[in-house]
Amino acid sequence: NIVFRVSESNELRFEGRRIDIRAVRANVERMHAENPEAKVVISAHPKAKTELFVKISDQAREAGVYDISLSTDL
């Protein structure tokens, strides 16, 4: 799966490194090309802003991935 983590302070991380929201689409495209069956999973702290989830989801859909899940990360 393609996992994005969102901290309580709304910091976005992918593969252990901090990324900007504008980098989500490129990362999803790259990972999806390597594994077309991969889903996008957004693991967010319960206090993270919903707005960030929406932006990540939009970027993933623009990259061609529509199977998107949200999980809470305490």
PDB file of N, CA and C in Angstrom:
ATOM      1  N   ASN A   1       0.821  -1.196   0.000  1.00  0.00           N
ATOM      2  CA  ASN A   1       0.000   0.000   0.000  1.00  0.00           C
ATOM      3  C   ASN A   1       0.865   1.260   0.000  1.00  0.00           C
ATOM      4  N   ILE A   2       0.246   2.337  -0.402  1.00  0.00           N
ATOM      5  CA  ILE A   2       0.899   3.647  -0.446  1.00  0.00           C
ATOM      6  C   ILE A   2       0.402   4.404   0.788  1.00  0.00           C
ATOM      7  N   VAL A   3       1.241   4.514   1.796  1.00  0.00           N
ATOM      8  CA  VAL A   3       0.804   5.029   3.093  1.00  0.00           C
ATOM      9  C   VAL A   3       1.346   6.430   3.348  1.00  0.00           C
ATOM     10  N   PHE A   4       0.431   7.330   3.644  1.00  0.00           N
ATOM     11  CA  PHE A   4       0.766   8.686   4.057  1.00  0.00           C
ATOM     12  C   PHE A   4       0.390   8.821   5.518  1.00  0.00           C
ATOM     13  N   ARG A   5       1.256   9.445   6.294  1.00  0.00           N
ATOM     14  CA  ARG A   5       0.988   9.656   7.719  1.00  0.00           C
ATOM     15  C   ARG A   5       0.829  11.145   7.981  1.00  0.00           C
ATOM     16  N   VAL A   6      -0.194  11.465   8.784  1.00  0.00           N
ATOM     17  CA  VAL A   6      -0.451  12.856   9.153  1.00  0.00           C
ATOM     18  C   VAL A   6      -0.397  12.945  10.669  1.00  0.00           C
ATOM     19  N   SER A   7       0.478  13.808  11.165  1.00  0.00           N
ATOM     20  CA  SER A   7       0.657  13.953  12.607  1.00  0.00           C
ATOM     21  C   SER A   7      -0.391  14.883  13.203  1.00  0.00           C
ATOM     22  N   GLU A   8      -0.383  14.960  14.509  1.00  0.00           N
ATOM     23  CA  GLU A   8      -1.295  15.848  15.225  1.00  0.00           C
ATOM     24  C   GLU A   8      -1.090  17.306  14.801  1.00  0.00           C
ATOM     25  N   SER A   9       0.150  17.648  14.464  1.00  0.00           N
ATOM     26  CA  SER A   9       0.466  19.013  14.038  1.00  0.00           C
ATOM     27  C   SER A   9       0.329  19.190  12.520  1.00  0.00           C
ATOM     28  N   ASN A  10      -0.327  18.225  11.860  1.00  0.00           N
ATOM     29  CA  ASN A  10      -0.595  18.254  10.415  1.00  0.00           C
ATOM     30  C   ASN A  10       0.651  18.153   9.552  1.00  0.00           C
ATOM     31  N   GLU A  11       1.677  17.518  10.072  1.00  0.00           N
ATOM     32  CA  GLU A  11       2.885  17.260   9.289  1.00  0.00           C
ATOM     33  C   GLU A  11       2.636  16.002   8.460  1.00  0.00           C
ATOM     34  N   LEU A  12       2.913  16.083   7.171  1.00  0.00           N
ATOM     35  CA  LEU A  12       2.676  14.973   6.252  1.00  0.00           C
ATOM     36  C   LEU A  12       3.975  14.222   6.013  1.00  0.00           C
ATOM     37  N   ARG A  13       3.919  12.897   6.172  1.00  0.00           N
ATOM     38  CA  ARG A  13       5.098  12.060   5.970  1.00  0.00           C
ATOM     39  C   ARG A  13       4.772  10.927   5.002  1.00  0.00           C
ATOM     40  N   PHE A  14       5.785  10.588   4.194  1.00  0.00           N
ATOM     41  CA  PHE A  14       5.680   9.479   3.254  1.00  0.00           C
ATOM     42  C   PHE A  14       7.022   8.764   3.260  1.00  0.00           C
ATOM     43  N   GLU A  15       6.976   7.465   3.479  1.00  0.00           N
ATOM     44  CA  GLU A  15       8.185   6.635   3.549  1.00  0.00           C
ATOM     45  C   GLU A  15       9.204   7.219   4.530  1.00  0.00           C
ATOM     46  N   GLY A  16       8.727   7.718   5.662  1.00  0.00           N
ATOM     47  CA  GLY A  16       9.604   8.191   6.721  1.00  0.00           C
ATOM     48  C   GLY A  16      10.140   9.599   6.558  1.00  0.00           C
ATOM     49  N   ARG A  17       9.791  10.261   5.458  1.00  0.00           N
ATOM     50  CA  ARG A  17      10.294  11.623   5.271  1.00  0.00           C
ATOM     51  C   ARG A  17       9.134  12.600   5.155  1.00  0.00           C
ATOM     52  N   ARG A  18       9.383  13.811   5.584  1.00  0.00           N
ATOM     53  CA  ARG A  18       8.371  14.849   5.516  1.00  0.00           C
ATOM     54  C   ARG A  18       8.234  15.317   4.073  1.00  0.00           C
ATOM     55  N   ILE A  19       6.998  15.446   3.609  1.00  0.00           N
ATOM     56  CA  ILE A  19       6.767  15.919   2.244  1.00  0.00           C
ATOM     57  C   ILE A  19       5.720  17.033   2.244  1.00  0.00           C
ATOM     58  N   ASP A  20       5.715  17.781   1.176  1.00  0.00           N
ATOM     59  CA  ASP A  20       4.728  18.829   0.965  1.00  0.00           C
ATOM     60  C   ASP A  20       3.509  18.200   0.303  1.00  0.00           C
ATOM     61  N   ILE A  21       2.354  18.756   0.546  1.00  0.00           N
ATOM     62  CA  ILE A  21       1.125  18.232  -0.047  1.00  0.00           C
ATOM     63  C   ILE A  21       1.209  18.187  -1.575  1.00  0.00           C
ATOM     64  N   ARG A  22       1.958  19.100  -2.174  1.00  0.00           N
ATOM     65  CA  ARG A  22       2.090  19.134  -3.638  1.00  0.00           C
ATOM     66  C   ARG A  22       2.879  17.954  -4.185  1.00  0.00           C
ATOM     67  N   ALA A  23       3.569  17.202  -3.321  1.00  0.00           N
ATOM     68  CA  ALA A  23       4.361  16.044  -3.761  1.00  0.00           C
ATOM     69  C   ALA A  23       3.561  14.748  -3.714  1.00  0.00           C
ATOM     70  N   VAL A  24       2.341  14.810  -3.210  1.00  0.00           N
ATOM     71  CA  VAL A  24       1.542  13.588  -3.067  1.00  0.00           C
ATOM     72  C   VAL A  24       1.283  12.940  -4.420  1.00  0.00           C
ATOM     73  N   ARG A  25       0.814  13.704  -5.381  1.00  0.00           N
ATOM     74  CA  ARG A  25       0.465  13.137  -6.689  1.00  0.00           C
ATOM     75  C   ARG A  25       1.654  12.427  -7.334  1.00  0.00           C
ATOM     76  N   ALA A  26       2.821  13.066  -7.346  1.00  0.00           N
ATOM     77  CA  ALA A  26       4.003  12.461  -7.972  1.00  0.00           C
ATOM     78  C   ALA A  26       4.388  11.164  -7.270  1.00  0.00           C
ATOM     79  N   ASN A  27       4.313  11.153  -5.946  1.00  0.00           N
ATOM     80  CA  ASN A  27       4.653   9.942  -5.197  1.00  0.00           C
ATOM     81  C   ASN A  27       3.652   8.825  -5.450  1.00  0.00           C
ATOM     82  N   VAL A  28       2.374   9.167  -5.524  1.00  0.00           N
ATOM     83  CA  VAL A  28       1.354   8.157  -5.816  1.00  0.00           C
ATOM     84  C   VAL A  28       1.544   7.607  -7.227  1.00  0.00           C
ATOM     85  N   GLU A  29       1.800   8.475  -8.190  1.00  0.00           N
ATOM     86  CA  GLU A  29       2.022   8.020  -9.568  1.00  0.00           C
ATOM     87  C   GLU A  29       3.199   7.059  -9.644  1.00  0.00           C
ATOM     88  N   ARG A  30       4.288   7.399  -8.968  1.00  0.00           N
ATOM     89  CA  ARG A  30       5.484   6.551  -8.991  1.00  0.00           C
ATOM     90  C   ARG A  30       5.204   5.191  -8.339  1.00  0.00           C
ATOM     91  N   MET A  31       4.584   5.214  -7.166  1.00  0.00           N
ATOM     92  CA  MET A  31       4.324   3.958  -6.458  1.00  0.00           C
ATOM     93  C   MET A  31       3.270   3.121  -7.184  1.00  0.00           C
ATOM     94  N   HIS A  32       2.290   3.764  -7.769  1.00  0.00           N
ATOM     95  CA  HIS A  32       1.239   3.052  -8.494  1.00  0.00           C
ATOM     96  C   HIS A  32       1.800   2.398  -9.761  1.00  0.00           C
ATOM     97  N   ALA A  33       2.780   3.038 -10.396  1.00  0.00           N
ATOM     98  CA  ALA A  33       3.421   2.452 -11.578  1.00  0.00           C
ATOM     99  C   ALA A  33       4.180   1.183 -11.192  1.00  0.00           C
ATOM    100  N   GLU A  34       4.776   1.186 -10.013  1.00  0.00           N
ATOM    101  CA  GLU A  34       5.507   0.007  -9.537  1.00  0.00           C
ATOM    102  C   GLU A  34       4.568  -1.104  -9.099  1.00  0.00           C
ATOM    103  N   ASN A  35       3.399  -0.731  -8.535  1.00  0.00           N
ATOM    104  CA  ASN A  35       2.447  -1.716  -8.042  1.00  0.00           C
ATOM    105  C   ASN A  35       1.028  -1.223  -8.323  1.00  0.00           C
ATOM    106  N   PRO A  36       0.461  -1.567  -9.478  1.00  0.00           N
ATOM    107  CA  PRO A  36      -0.866  -1.076  -9.861  1.00  0.00           C
ATOM    108  C   PRO A  36      -1.997  -1.493  -8.916  1.00  0.00           C
ATOM    109  N   GLU A  37      -1.777  -2.502  -8.104  1.00  0.00           N
ATOM    110  CA  GLU A  37      -2.811  -2.957  -7.168  1.00  0.00           C
ATOM    111  C   GLU A  37      -2.780  -2.210  -5.838  1.00  0.00           C
ATOM    112  N   ALA A  38      -1.800  -1.351  -5.653  1.00  0.00           N
ATOM    113  CA  ALA A  38      -1.629  -0.657  -4.372  1.00  0.00           C
ATOM    114  C   ALA A  38      -2.770   0.317  -4.108  1.00  0.00           C
ATOM    115  N   LYS A  39      -3.160   0.388  -2.842  1.00  0.00           N
ATOM    116  CA  LYS A  39      -4.177   1.323  -2.382  1.00  0.00           C
ATOM    117  C   LYS A  39      -3.483   2.473  -1.673  1.00  0.00           C
ATOM    118  N   VAL A  40      -4.171   3.590  -1.572  1.00  0.00           N
ATOM    119  CA  VAL A  40      -3.662   4.708  -0.783  1.00  0.00           C
ATOM    120  C   VAL A  40      -4.288   4.616   0.601  1.00  0.00           C
ATOM    121  N   VAL A  41      -3.444   4.666   1.615  1.00  0.00           N
ATOM    122  CA  VAL A  41      -3.900   4.646   2.997  1.00  0.00           C
ATOM    123  C   VAL A  41      -3.401   5.925   3.663  1.00  0.00           C
ATOM    124  N   ILE A  42      -4.315   6.643   4.277  1.00  0.00           N
ATOM    125  CA  ILE A  42      -3.966   7.856   5.003  1.00  0.00           C
ATOM    126  C   ILE A  42      -4.120   7.534   6.482  1.00  0.00           C
ATOM    127  N   SER A  43      -2.998   7.495   7.160  1.00  0.00           N
ATOM    128  CA  SER A  43      -2.976   7.197   8.584  1.00  0.00           C
ATOM    129  C   SER A  43      -2.818   8.520   9.320  1.00  0.00           C
ATOM    130  N   ALA A  44      -3.915   8.996   9.895  1.00  0.00           N
ATOM    131  CA  ALA A  44      -3.920  10.337  10.466  1.00  0.00           C
ATOM    132  C   ALA A  44      -4.196  10.321  11.966  1.00  0.00           C
ATOM    133  N   HIS A  45      -3.575  11.245  12.658  1.00  0.00           N
ATOM    134  CA  HIS A  45      -3.857  11.451  14.069  1.00  0.00           C
ATOM    135  C   HIS A  45      -5.291  11.979  14.173  1.00  0.00           C
ATOM    136  N   PRO A  46      -6.035  11.581  15.200  1.00  0.00           N
ATOM    137  CA  PRO A  46      -7.424  12.042  15.314  1.00  0.00           C
ATOM    138  C   PRO A  46      -7.583  13.563  15.348  1.00  0.00           C
ATOM    139  N   LYS A  47      -6.559  14.292  15.750  1.00  0.00           N
ATOM    140  CA  LYS A  47      -6.659  15.757  15.821  1.00  0.00           C
ATOM    141  C   LYS A  47      -6.151  16.446  14.550  1.00  0.00           C
ATOM    142  N   ALA A  48      -5.729  15.667  13.559  1.00  0.00           N
ATOM    143  CA  ALA A  48      -5.264  16.245  12.296  1.00  0.00           C
ATOM    144  C   ALA A  48      -6.449  16.868  11.559  1.00  0.00           C
ATOM    145  N   LYS A  49      -6.167  17.857  10.747  1.00  0.00           N
ATOM    146  CA  LYS A  49      -7.221  18.555  10.013  1.00  0.00           C
ATOM    147  C   LYS A  49      -7.800  17.681   8.909  1.00  0.00           C
ATOM    148  N   THR A  50      -9.107  17.682   8.806  1.00  0.00           N
ATOM    149  CA  THR A  50      -9.799  16.945   7.755  1.00  0.00           C
ATOM    150  C   THR A  50      -9.400  17.472   6.382  1.00  0.00           C
ATOM    151  N   GLU A  51      -9.118  18.750   6.304  1.00  0.00           N
ATOM    152  CA  GLU A  51      -8.730  19.388   5.050  1.00  0.00           C
ATOM    153  C   GLU A  51      -7.530  18.684   4.404  1.00  0.00           C
ATOM    154  N   LEU A  52      -6.592  18.231   5.220  1.00  0.00           N
ATOM    155  CA  LEU A  52      -5.410  17.545   4.700  1.00  0.00           C
ATOM    156  C   LEU A  52      -5.789  16.194   4.096  1.00  0.00           C
ATOM    157  N   PHE A  53      -6.708  15.469   4.740  1.00  0.00           N
ATOM    158  CA  PHE A  53      -7.192  14.202   4.197  1.00  0.00           C
ATOM    159  C   PHE A  53      -7.814  14.423   2.818  1.00  0.00           C
ATOM    160  N   VAL A  54      -8.620  15.467   2.697  1.00  0.00           N
ATOM    161  CA  VAL A  54      -9.281  15.767   1.430  1.00  0.00           C
ATOM    162  C   VAL A  54      -8.249  16.089   0.351  1.00  0.00           C
ATOM    163  N   LYS A  55      -7.245  16.882   0.696  1.00  0.00           N
ATOM    164  CA  LYS A  55      -6.215  17.238  -0.282  1.00  0.00           C
ATOM    165  C   LYS A  55      -5.428  16.015  -0.736  1.00  0.00           C
ATOM    166  N   ILE A  56      -5.066  15.131   0.201  1.00  0.00           N
ATOM    167  CA  ILE A  56      -4.335  13.905  -0.155  1.00  0.00           C
ATOM    168  C   ILE A  56      -5.206  13.037  -1.062  1.00  0.00           C
ATOM    169  N   SER A  57      -6.471  12.897  -0.706  1.00  0.00           N
ATOM    170  CA  SER A  57      -7.401  12.091  -1.515  1.00  0.00           C
ATOM    171  C   SER A  57      -7.525  12.648  -2.924  1.00  0.00           C
ATOM    172  N   ASP A  58      -7.664  13.964  -3.033  1.00  0.00           N
ATOM    173  CA  ASP A  58      -7.771  14.593  -4.354  1.00  0.00           C
ATOM    174  C   ASP A  58      -6.528  14.325  -5.198  1.00  0.00           C
ATOM    175  N   GLN A  59      -5.355  14.464  -4.584  1.00  0.00           N
ATOM    176  CA  GLN A  59      -4.098  14.227  -5.301  1.00  0.00           C
ATOM    177  C   GLN A  59      -3.993  12.759  -5.745  1.00  0.00           C
ATOM    178  N   ALA A  60      -4.408  11.841  -4.885  1.00  0.00           N
ATOM    179  CA  ALA A  60      -4.353  10.414  -5.229  1.00  0.00           C
ATOM    180  C   ALA A  60      -5.275  10.107  -6.409  1.00  0.00           C
ATOM    181  N   ARG A  61      -6.480  10.686  -6.386  1.00  0.00           N
ATOM    182  CA  ARG A  61      -7.409  10.469  -7.503  1.00  0.00           C
ATOM    183  C   ARG A  61      -6.865  11.054  -8.792  1.00  0.00           C
ATOM    184  N   GLU A  62      -6.227  12.226  -8.710  1.00  0.00           N
ATOM    185  CA  GLU A  62      -5.620  12.812  -9.908  1.00  0.00           C
ATOM    186  C   GLU A  62      -4.499  11.928 -10.455  1.00  0.00           C
ATOM    187  N   ALA A  63      -3.884  11.148  -9.576  1.00  0.00           N
ATOM    188  CA  ALA A  63      -2.819  10.220  -9.997  1.00  0.00           C
ATOM    189  C   ALA A  63      -3.392   8.893 -10.496  1.00  0.00           C
ATOM    190  N   GLY A  64      -4.718   8.733 -10.426  1.00  0.00           N
ATOM    191  CA  GLY A  64      -5.353   7.530 -10.953  1.00  0.00           C
ATOM    192  C   GLY A  64      -5.662   6.453  -9.938  1.00  0.00           C
ATOM    193  N   VAL A  65      -5.525   6.753  -8.647  1.00  0.00           N
ATOM    194  CA  VAL A  65      -5.837   5.769  -7.608  1.00  0.00           C
ATOM    195  C   VAL A  65      -7.124   6.216  -6.908  1.00  0.00           C
ATOM    196  N   TYR A  66      -8.121   5.336  -6.927  1.00  0.00           N
ATOM    197  CA  TYR A  66      -9.414   5.675  -6.349  1.00  0.00           C
ATOM    198  C   TYR A  66      -9.729   4.870  -5.100  1.00  0.00           C
ATOM    199  N   ASP A  67      -8.906   3.872  -4.802  1.00  0.00           N
ATOM    200  CA  ASP A  67      -9.081   3.068  -3.597  1.00  0.00           C
ATOM    201  C   ASP A  67      -8.298   3.732  -2.470  1.00  0.00           C
ATOM    202  N   ILE A  68      -8.982   4.545  -1.673  1.00  0.00           N
ATOM    203  CA  ILE A  68      -8.339   5.356  -0.641  1.00  0.00           C
ATOM    204  C   ILE A  68      -9.000   5.054   0.697  1.00  0.00           C
ATOM    205  N   SER A  69      -8.177   4.798   1.703  1.00  0.00           N
ATOM    206  CA  SER A  69      -8.685   4.499   3.045  1.00  0.00           C
ATOM    207  C   SER A  69      -8.110   5.470   4.062  1.00  0.00           C
ATOM    208  N   LEU A  70      -8.870   5.684   5.120  1.00  0.00           N
ATOM    209  CA  LEU A  70      -8.417   6.518   6.218  1.00  0.00           C
ATOM    210  C   LEU A  70      -8.357   5.671   7.474  1.00  0.00           C
ATOM    211  N   SER A  71      -7.250   5.768   8.197  1.00  0.00           N
ATOM    212  CA  SER A  71      -7.160   5.096   9.491  1.00  0.00           C
ATOM    213  C   SER A  71      -6.644   6.108  10.496  1.00  0.00           C
ATOM    214  N   THR A  72      -7.000   5.899  11.746  1.00  0.00           N
ATOM    215  CA  THR A  72      -6.505   6.801  12.773  1.00  0.00           C
ATOM    216  C   THR A  72      -5.228   6.242  13.351  1.00  0.00           C
ATOM    217  N   ASP A  73      -4.337   7.130  13.683  1.00  0.00           N
ATOM    218  CA  ASP A  73      -3.020   6.777  14.196  1.00  0.00           C
ATOM    219  C   ASP A  73      -2.827   7.524  15.496  1.00  0.00           C
ATOM    220  N   LEU A  74      -2.784   6.785  16.580  1.00  0.00           N
ATOM    221  CA  LEU A  74      -2.674   7.467  17.879  1.00  0.00           C
ATOM    222  C   LEU A  74      -1.274   7.673  18.264  1.00  0.00           C
TER     223      LEU A  74
END
